[in-house]
Structure formats: structure tokens, C-alpha cells
PDB file of N, CA and C in Angstrom:
ATOM      1  N   UNK A   1      11.179   4.665 -11.791  1.00  0.00           N
ATOM      2  CA  UNK A   1      10.085   4.216 -10.895  1.00  0.00           C
ATOM      3  C   UNK A   1       8.751   4.245 -11.650  1.00  0.00           C
ATOM      4  N   UNK A   2       8.008   3.205 -11.527  1.00  0.00           N
ATOM      5  CA  UNK A   2       6.706   3.163 -12.232  1.00  0.00           C
ATOM      6  C   UNK A   2       5.567   3.445 -11.255  1.00  0.00           C
ATOM      7  N   UNK A   3       4.388   3.646 -11.805  1.00  0.00           N
ATOM      8  CA  UNK A   3       3.232   3.930 -10.926  1.00  0.00           C
ATOM      9  C   UNK A   3       2.648   2.629 -10.376  1.00  0.00           C
ATOM     10  N   UNK A   4       2.851   1.549 -11.115  1.00  0.00           N
ATOM     11  CA  UNK A   4       2.270   0.247 -10.673  1.00  0.00           C
ATOM     12  C   UNK A   4       2.855  -0.152  -9.309  1.00  0.00           C
ATOM     13  N   UNK A   5       4.141  -0.200  -9.158  1.00  0.00           N
ATOM     14  CA  UNK A   5       4.760  -0.575  -7.867  1.00  0.00           C
ATOM     15  C   UNK A   5       4.318   0.378  -6.756  1.00  0.00           C
ATOM     16  N   UNK A   6       4.225   1.644  -7.078  1.00  0.00           N
ATOM     17  CA  UNK A   6       3.812   2.629  -6.060  1.00  0.00           C
ATOM     18  C   UNK A   6       2.404   2.297  -5.579  1.00  0.00           C
ATOM     19  N   UNK A   7       1.520   1.966  -6.508  1.00  0.00           N
ATOM     20  CA  UNK A   7       0.119   1.631  -6.134  1.00  0.00           C
ATOM     21  C   UNK A   7       0.123   0.382  -5.260  1.00  0.00           C
ATOM     22  N   UNK A   8       0.919  -0.592  -5.646  1.00  0.00           N
ATOM     23  CA  UNK A   8       0.969  -1.847  -4.872  1.00  0.00           C
ATOM     24  C   UNK A   8       1.467  -1.553  -3.458  1.00  0.00           C
ATOM     25  N   UNK A   9       2.505  -0.754  -3.374  1.00  0.00           N
ATOM     26  CA  UNK A   9       3.077  -0.422  -2.060  1.00  0.00           C
ATOM     27  C   UNK A   9       2.031   0.317  -1.212  1.00  0.00           C
ATOM     28  N   UNK A  10       1.353   1.255  -1.848  1.00  0.00           N
ATOM     29  CA  UNK A  10       0.321   2.027  -1.135  1.00  0.00           C
ATOM     30  C   UNK A  10      -0.782   1.097  -0.633  1.00  0.00           C
ATOM     31  N   UNK A  11      -1.205   0.172  -1.466  1.00  0.00           N
ATOM     32  CA  UNK A  11      -2.277  -0.760  -1.074  1.00  0.00           C
ATOM     33  C   UNK A  11      -1.815  -1.584   0.123  1.00  0.00           C
ATOM     34  N   UNK A  12      -0.564  -2.015   0.087  1.00  0.00           N
ATOM     35  CA  UNK A  12      -0.050  -2.842   1.206  1.00  0.00           C
ATOM     36  C   UNK A  12      -0.020  -2.011   2.486  1.00  0.00           C
ATOM     37  N   UNK A  13       0.427  -0.785   2.358  1.00  0.00           N
ATOM     38  CA  UNK A  13       0.510   0.095   3.542  1.00  0.00           C
ATOM     39  C   UNK A  13      -0.902   0.313   4.101  1.00  0.00           C
ATOM     40  N   UNK A  14      -1.848   0.517   3.207  1.00  0.00           N
ATOM     41  CA  UNK A  14      -3.234   0.743   3.637  1.00  0.00           C
ATOM     42  C   UNK A  14      -3.771  -0.483   4.380  1.00  0.00           C
ATOM     43  N   UNK A  15      -3.470  -1.647   3.808  1.00  0.00           N
ATOM     44  CA  UNK A  15      -3.957  -2.905   4.415  1.00  0.00           C
ATOM     45  C   UNK A  15      -3.392  -3.030   5.828  1.00  0.00           C
ATOM     46  N   UNK A  16      -2.126  -2.734   5.980  1.00  0.00           N
ATOM     47  CA  UNK A  16      -1.486  -2.850   7.302  1.00  0.00           C
ATOM     48  C   UNK A  16      -2.086  -1.824   8.260  1.00  0.00           C
ATOM     49  N   UNK A  17      -2.289  -0.618   7.762  1.00  0.00           N
ATOM     50  CA  UNK A  17      -2.856   0.435   8.633  1.00  0.00           C
ATOM     51  C   UNK A  17      -4.266   0.034   9.064  1.00  0.00           C
ATOM     52  N   UNK A  18      -5.031  -0.492   8.131  1.00  0.00           N
ATOM     53  CA  UNK A  18      -6.438  -0.881   8.440  1.00  0.00           C
ATOM     54  C   UNK A  18      -6.409  -2.009   9.473  1.00  0.00           C
ATOM     55  N   UNK A  19      -5.503  -2.922   9.336  1.00  0.00           N
ATOM     56  CA  UNK A  19      -5.458  -4.075  10.274  1.00  0.00           C
ATOM     57  C   UNK A  19      -5.007  -3.566  11.645  1.00  0.00           C
ATOM     58  N   UNK A  20      -4.083  -2.648  11.644  1.00  0.00           N
ATOM     59  CA  UNK A  20      -3.570  -2.127  12.927  1.00  0.00           C
ATOM     60  C   UNK A  20      -4.689  -1.376  13.670  1.00  0.00           C
ATOM     61  N   UNK A  21      -5.457  -0.632  12.914  1.00  0.00           N
ATOM     62  CA  UNK A  21      -6.535   0.168  13.554  1.00  0.00           C
ATOM     63  C   UNK A  21      -7.637  -0.752  14.060  1.00  0.00           C
TER      64      UNK A  21
END
């Protein structure tokens, strides 16, 4: 597992959370 994919996944999750809120 690399850190790049993890960062991308985290950014996507954040975007979804921000939109939901």
C-alpha cells in the first residue's frame, strides 16, 4: 500500500463529508 492512494482516498472522503454537511 502506498501513501499516494491513501491521500487520494482521504481527499475524496473529505470532499464527500464536506458536501454532506
